[in-house]
Amino acid sequence: VQLQAYGGGVVQPGDSLRLSCAASGYSGFAAEYYSIAWFRRTPEKEREGVSCISAGDGETIYADSVKGRFTVSRDNAKNTVHLQMDRVKPEDTAVYYCMAIRRQDTCRFTWRFPYYGQGTQVTVSS
């Protein structure tokens, strides 16, 4: 399973943006059975956990840096996970990518997610 993140772009501080994550080239992927995490990558930091939504009950976790501004959600009908980014800041500038694991307990950024794909660039600049 290869995942594709999309929806990035150039926005101004305080704007909103919605990213999406879906399986690419695999029709059998059912998002509700996977815990799916969003990470971001910058030149200074290789990998930073942003948010994760657990399989099944959809429990969510967030990094402190985005708590209260970002919201992760899952559309089971479309097998897609979204990351709603509100009140974005310049420090949110990064390549955002999603990763998945078929595991149902409370999501952890430290898990070894076996499924991932290319990310999408988000640039926050005035």
C-alpha atoms as a PDB file:
ATOM      1  CA  VAL A   1       0.000   0.000   0.000  1.00  0.00           C
ATOM      2  CA  GLN A   2       1.373   3.372  -0.987  1.00  0.00           C
ATOM      3  CA  LEU A   3      -0.133   6.506   0.453  1.00  0.00           C
ATOM      4  CA  GLN A   4      -0.431   9.863  -1.243  1.00  0.00           C
ATOM      5  CA  ALA A   5      -0.704  13.138   0.613  1.00  0.00           C
ATOM      6  CA  TYR A   6      -2.113  16.080  -1.285  1.00  0.00           C
ATOM      7  CA  GLY A   7      -3.627  19.505  -0.781  1.00  0.00           C
ATOM      8  CA  GLY A   8      -0.532  21.500   0.092  1.00  0.00           C
ATOM      9  CA  GLY A   9       0.213  24.956  -1.172  1.00  0.00           C
ATOM     10  CA  VAL A  10       1.325  28.465  -0.305  1.00  0.00           C
ATOM     11  CA  VAL A  11      -0.790  30.276   2.268  1.00  0.00           C
ATOM     12  CA  GLN A  12      -0.472  33.289   4.509  1.00  0.00           C
ATOM     13  CA  PRO A  13      -0.185  33.226   8.295  1.00  0.00           C
ATOM     14  CA  GLY A  14      -3.610  32.788   9.839  1.00  0.00           C
ATOM     15  CA  ASP A  15      -5.063  31.027   6.801  1.00  0.00           C
ATOM     16  CA  SER A  16      -6.534  27.539   6.656  1.00  0.00           C
ATOM     17  CA  LEU A  17      -5.577  24.569   4.549  1.00  0.00           C
ATOM     18  CA  ARG A  18      -6.827  20.996   4.337  1.00  0.00           C
ATOM     19  CA  LEU A  19      -4.545  18.114   3.519  1.00  0.00           C
ATOM     20  CA  SER A  20      -5.754  14.694   2.485  1.00  0.00           C
ATOM     21  CA  CYS A  21      -4.218  11.240   2.549  1.00  0.00           C
ATOM     22  CA  ALA A  22      -5.402   8.313   0.467  1.00  0.00           C
ATOM     23  CA  ALA A  23      -4.068   5.021  -0.828  1.00  0.00           C
ATOM     24  CA  SER A  24      -2.623   5.165  -4.314  1.00  0.00           C
ATOM     25  CA  GLY A  25      -3.139   2.348  -6.773  1.00  0.00           C
ATOM     26  CA  TYR A  26      -4.750  -0.021  -4.279  1.00  0.00           C
ATOM     27  CA  SER A  27      -8.522  -0.309  -4.166  1.00  0.00           C
ATOM     28  CA  GLY A  28      -8.594  -2.654  -1.188  1.00  0.00           C
ATOM     29  CA  PHE A  29      -7.345  -0.126   1.362  1.00  0.00           C
ATOM     30  CA  ALA A  30      -9.915   0.488   4.103  1.00  0.00           C
ATOM     31  CA  ALA A  31      -8.793   3.462   6.154  1.00  0.00           C
ATOM     32  CA  GLU A  32     -10.912   2.538   9.177  1.00  0.00           C
ATOM     33  CA  TYR A  33      -8.688  -0.486   9.856  1.00  0.00           C
ATOM     34  CA  TYR A  34      -5.479   1.529   9.930  1.00  0.00           C
ATOM     35  CA  SER A  35      -4.030   4.017  12.334  1.00  0.00           C
ATOM     36  CA  ILE A  36      -2.877   6.887  10.142  1.00  0.00           C
ATOM     37  CA  ALA A  37      -0.407   9.518  11.222  1.00  0.00           C
ATOM     38  CA  TRP A  38       0.673  12.830   9.779  1.00  0.00           C
ATOM     39  CA  PHE A  39       4.327  13.788   9.975  1.00  0.00           C
ATOM     40  CA  ARG A  40       6.217  16.766   8.638  1.00  0.00           C
ATOM     41  CA  ARG A  41       9.767  17.272   7.479  1.00  0.00           C
ATOM     42  CA  THR A  42      11.873  20.432   7.344  1.00  0.00           C
ATOM     43  CA  PRO A  43      15.566  21.037   6.587  1.00  0.00           C
ATOM     44  CA  GLU A  44      16.115  21.326  10.348  1.00  0.00           C
ATOM     45  CA  LYS A  45      14.053  18.348  11.460  1.00  0.00           C
ATOM     46  CA  GLU A  46      13.835  15.093   9.566  1.00  0.00           C
ATOM     47  CA  ARG A  47      10.602  13.924  11.098  1.00  0.00           C
ATOM     48  CA  GLU A  48       8.099  15.442  13.466  1.00  0.00           C
ATOM     49  CA  GLY A  49       4.850  13.797  14.452  1.00  0.00           C
ATOM     50  CA  VAL A  50       1.912  16.124  13.880  1.00  0.00           C
ATOM     51  CA  SER A  51      -1.248  14.128  14.451  1.00  0.00           C
ATOM     52  CA  CYS A  52      -2.612  10.611  14.342  1.00  0.00           C
ATOM     53  CA  ILE A  53      -6.011   8.986  14.196  1.00  0.00           C
ATOM     54  CA  SER A  54      -6.368   5.460  15.517  1.00  0.00           C
ATOM     55  CA  ALA A  55      -8.091   2.644  13.689  1.00  0.00           C
ATOM     56  CA  GLY A  56     -11.558   1.744  14.825  1.00  0.00           C
ATOM     57  CA  ASP A  57     -12.684   4.309  17.393  1.00  0.00           C
ATOM     58  CA  GLY A  58     -10.799   7.169  15.758  1.00  0.00           C
ATOM     59  CA  GLU A  59      -8.994   8.366  18.866  1.00  0.00           C
ATOM     60  CA  THR A  60      -6.738  11.271  17.968  1.00  0.00           C
ATOM     61  CA  ILE A  61      -3.459  12.673  19.225  1.00  0.00           C
ATOM     62  CA  TYR A  62      -1.672  15.916  18.387  1.00  0.00           C
ATOM     63  CA  ALA A  63       1.735  17.445  18.803  1.00  0.00           C
ATOM     64  CA  ASP A  64       1.715  20.308  21.295  1.00  0.00           C
ATOM     65  CA  SER A  65       2.783  22.693  18.539  1.00  0.00           C
ATOM     66  CA  VAL A  66      -0.445  22.148  16.584  1.00  0.00           C
ATOM     67  CA  LYS A  67      -2.940  21.320  19.338  1.00  0.00           C
ATOM     68  CA  GLY A  68      -6.000  23.529  19.057  1.00  0.00           C
ATOM     69  CA  ARG A  69      -5.184  24.551  15.473  1.00  0.00           C
ATOM     70  CA  PHE A  70      -5.084  21.288  13.525  1.00  0.00           C
ATOM     71  CA  THR A  71      -7.797  18.638  13.347  1.00  0.00           C
ATOM     72  CA  VAL A  72      -7.427  15.130  11.957  1.00  0.00           C
ATOM     73  CA  SER A  73     -10.458  13.238  10.684  1.00  0.00           C
ATOM     74  CA  ARG A  74     -11.288  10.164   8.670  1.00  0.00           C
ATOM     75  CA  ASP A  75     -13.846   9.642   5.914  1.00  0.00           C
ATOM     76  CA  ASN A  76     -14.493   5.911   5.909  1.00  0.00           C
ATOM     77  CA  ALA A  77     -16.655   6.072   2.796  1.00  0.00           C
ATOM     78  CA  LYS A  78     -13.825   7.613   0.793  1.00  0.00           C
ATOM     79  CA  ASN A  79     -11.003   5.830   2.651  1.00  0.00           C
ATOM     80  CA  THR A  80      -9.352   9.174   3.168  1.00  0.00           C
ATOM     81  CA  VAL A  81      -7.855  10.930   6.165  1.00  0.00           C
ATOM     82  CA  HIS A  82      -7.819  14.711   6.343  1.00  0.00           C
ATOM     83  CA  LEU A  83      -5.707  17.157   8.270  1.00  0.00           C
ATOM     84  CA  GLN A  84      -7.486  20.474   8.704  1.00  0.00           C
ATOM     85  CA  MET A  85      -4.914  23.151   9.383  1.00  0.00           C
ATOM     86  CA  ASP A  86      -6.277  26.399  10.834  1.00  0.00           C
ATOM     87  CA  ARG A  87      -4.478  29.563  11.951  1.00  0.00           C
ATOM     88  CA  VAL A  88      -1.310  28.365  10.287  1.00  0.00           C
ATOM     89  CA  LYS A  89       2.039  29.861  11.241  1.00  0.00           C
ATOM     90  CA  PRO A  90       5.306  30.260   9.336  1.00  0.00           C
ATOM     91  CA  GLU A  91       6.793  27.491  11.481  1.00  0.00           C
ATOM     92  CA  ASP A  92       4.214  25.107  10.009  1.00  0.00           C
ATOM     93  CA  THR A  93       6.112  25.290   6.722  1.00  0.00           C
ATOM     94  CA  ALA A  94       7.195  21.750   5.873  1.00  0.00           C
ATOM     95  CA  VAL A  95       6.631  18.733   3.685  1.00  0.00           C
ATOM     96  CA  TYR A  96       3.674  16.890   5.173  1.00  0.00           C
ATOM     97  CA  TYR A  97       3.273  13.166   4.651  1.00  0.00           C
ATOM     98  CA  CYS A  98       1.092  10.403   5.982  1.00  0.00           C
ATOM     99  CA  MET A  99       1.942   6.950   7.218  1.00  0.00           C
ATOM    100  CA  ALA A 100      -0.252   4.011   8.144  1.00  0.00           C
ATOM    101  CA  ILE A 101      -0.168   0.867  10.215  1.00  0.00           C
ATOM    102  CA  ARG A 102      -2.780  -1.798  10.730  1.00  0.00           C
ATOM    103  CA  ARG A 103      -2.974  -1.474  14.480  1.00  0.00           C
ATOM    104  CA  GLN A 104      -5.871  -0.456  16.683  1.00  0.00           C
ATOM    105  CA  ASP A 105      -4.575   0.739  20.061  1.00  0.00           C
ATOM    106  CA  THR A 106      -3.849   4.366  20.900  1.00  0.00           C
ATOM    107  CA  CYS A 107      -1.653   5.790  18.174  1.00  0.00           C
ATOM    108  CA  ARG A 108       1.986   6.613  18.870  1.00  0.00           C
ATOM    109  CA  PHE A 109       4.345   8.621  16.663  1.00  0.00           C
ATOM    110  CA  THR A 110       7.124   6.193  17.601  1.00  0.00           C
ATOM    111  CA  TRP A 111       5.511   3.226  15.882  1.00  0.00           C
ATOM    112  CA  ARG A 112       7.159   1.785  12.801  1.00  0.00           C
ATOM    113  CA  PHE A 113       4.576   2.648  10.174  1.00  0.00           C
ATOM    114  CA  PRO A 114       5.097   0.341   7.195  1.00  0.00           C
ATOM    115  CA  TYR A 115       2.987   2.259   4.700  1.00  0.00           C
ATOM    116  CA  TYR A 116       3.792   5.742   3.482  1.00  0.00           C
ATOM    117  CA  GLY A 117       4.256   7.794   0.369  1.00  0.00           C
ATOM    118  CA  GLN A 118       5.326  11.113  -1.017  1.00  0.00           C
ATOM    119  CA  GLY A 119       4.400  14.210   0.876  1.00  0.00           C
ATOM    120  CA  THR A 120       2.942  17.554  -0.024  1.00  0.00           C
ATOM    121  CA  GLN A 121       4.631  20.907   0.502  1.00  0.00           C
ATOM    122  CA  VAL A 122       2.993  23.475   2.759  1.00  0.00           C
ATOM    123  CA  THR A 123       4.506  26.942   2.770  1.00  0.00           C
ATOM    124  CA  VAL A 124       3.241  29.616   5.141  1.00  0.00           C
ATOM    125  CA  SER A 125       4.546  33.011   4.179  1.00  0.00           C
ATOM    126  CA  SER A 126       3.381  36.586   4.082  1.00  0.00           C
END
